[in-house]
Each structure stands twice: as structure tokens, then as C-alpha cells.
């Protein structure tokens, strides 16, 4: 995984960061805002295969919709 979290990101870099998203990444913890802004703008829902596969949802209203939908667990 690319360790930098400073933007802007190319589509390829953002796809790699999303696919390997790790909330425990020290660089991400130091300054998450550029990556989160890029995800919201370019990839609001991403699948990460790290740590047994999960989705990274970066827009507030998408998170609310998912949490309120009984079809999602």
C-alpha cells in the first residue's frame, strides 16, 4: 500500500488506497482529511480486501442510508 495520504490522487492511486484501506495506518491517522476528501469526490463507496473484506463508505448520507436499510448488516 502506498503510505502517503497527501492528495491529489490519481485514479490508480486512489483505487489502490481504497482496496488496501487500513484505518490503523499511521499516516492516515496523522492526517486523514485529504484521503477522505478524495474518496468522497472520486470513489464514495469502495471495496477493501484488507482485513477480511469490507466496504469504505465516505459520504455521510450514504452511511445513513446503509445503516437504515434492514437489508444491510
Protein backbone atom coordinates (compact mmCIF):
# COMPACT_ATOMS: atom_id res chain seq x y z
CA UNK A 1 0.00 0.00 0.00
CA UNK A 2 1.16 3.50 -0.73
CA UNK A 3 1.89 5.11 2.62
CA UNK A 4 1.24 8.71 1.63
CA UNK A 5 -2.09 10.32 2.37
CA UNK A 6 -1.47 13.69 0.73
CA UNK A 7 -3.54 14.49 -2.35
CA UNK A 8 -4.33 14.91 -5.07
CA UNK A 9 -4.51 11.28 -6.09
CA UNK A 10 -4.56 9.68 -9.49
CA UNK A 11 -7.41 7.26 -10.11
CA UNK A 12 -4.95 4.36 -9.84
CA UNK A 13 -3.52 5.58 -6.52
CA UNK A 14 -6.98 6.12 -5.07
CA UNK A 15 -8.11 2.66 -6.19
CA UNK A 16 -5.06 1.11 -4.54
CA UNK A 17 -5.56 3.07 -1.33
CA UNK A 18 -9.24 2.12 -1.21
CA UNK A 19 -8.56 -1.56 -1.94
CA UNK A 20 -5.97 -1.66 0.87
CA UNK A 21 -7.72 0.76 3.22
CA UNK A 22 -6.39 0.42 6.76
CA UNK A 23 -7.78 2.72 9.42
CA UNK A 24 -4.74 1.85 11.57
CA UNK A 25 -2.27 3.25 9.01
CA UNK A 26 -0.11 5.78 10.90
CA UNK A 27 -0.01 8.26 8.00
CA UNK A 28 -3.79 8.10 7.66
CA UNK A 29 -4.26 8.67 11.38
CA UNK A 30 -1.94 11.67 11.28
CA UNK A 31 -3.95 13.48 8.58
CA UNK A 32 -6.94 11.58 7.15
CA UNK A 33 -8.66 14.58 5.58
CA UNK A 34 -7.01 14.61 2.11
CA UNK A 35 -7.72 10.91 1.54
CA UNK A 36 -11.27 11.16 2.83
CA UNK A 37 -11.94 14.18 0.60
CA UNK A 38 -10.58 12.32 -2.43
CA UNK A 39 -12.69 9.26 -1.62
CA UNK A 40 -15.84 11.39 -1.27
CA UNK A 41 -15.14 13.11 -4.58
CA UNK A 42 -13.94 10.19 -6.70
CA UNK A 43 -14.92 6.92 -5.01
CA UNK A 44 -17.68 7.35 -2.41
CA UNK A 45 -18.08 3.57 -1.92
CA UNK A 46 -15.03 1.35 -2.23
CA UNK A 47 -14.38 -2.30 -1.50
CA UNK A 48 -11.30 -3.09 0.55
CA UNK A 49 -9.88 -6.60 0.57
CA UNK A 50 -7.75 -5.83 3.62
CA UNK A 51 -8.77 -7.41 6.93
CA UNK A 52 -11.31 -9.86 5.52
CA UNK A 53 -13.05 -7.59 3.02
CA UNK A 54 -15.16 -4.59 3.90
CA UNK A 55 -16.58 -1.51 2.25
CA UNK A 56 -15.31 2.02 2.80
CA UNK A 57 -18.25 4.44 2.59
CA UNK A 58 -17.10 8.04 2.64
CA UNK A 59 -20.26 10.12 2.27
CA UNK A 60 -22.40 10.84 5.31
CA UNK A 61 -25.78 10.36 3.65
CA UNK A 62 -24.67 7.08 2.08
CA UNK A 63 -23.63 5.83 5.52
CA UNK A 64 -27.01 6.85 6.99
CA UNK A 65 -28.89 5.15 4.14
CA UNK A 66 -26.93 1.94 4.58
CA UNK A 67 -27.39 1.90 8.34
CA UNK A 68 -31.15 2.44 8.00
CA UNK A 69 -31.60 -0.27 5.34
CA UNK A 70 -32.50 -3.57 7.03
CA UNK A 71 -31.04 -5.44 4.03
CA UNK A 72 -27.51 -4.45 5.06
CA UNK A 73 -25.78 -5.96 8.02
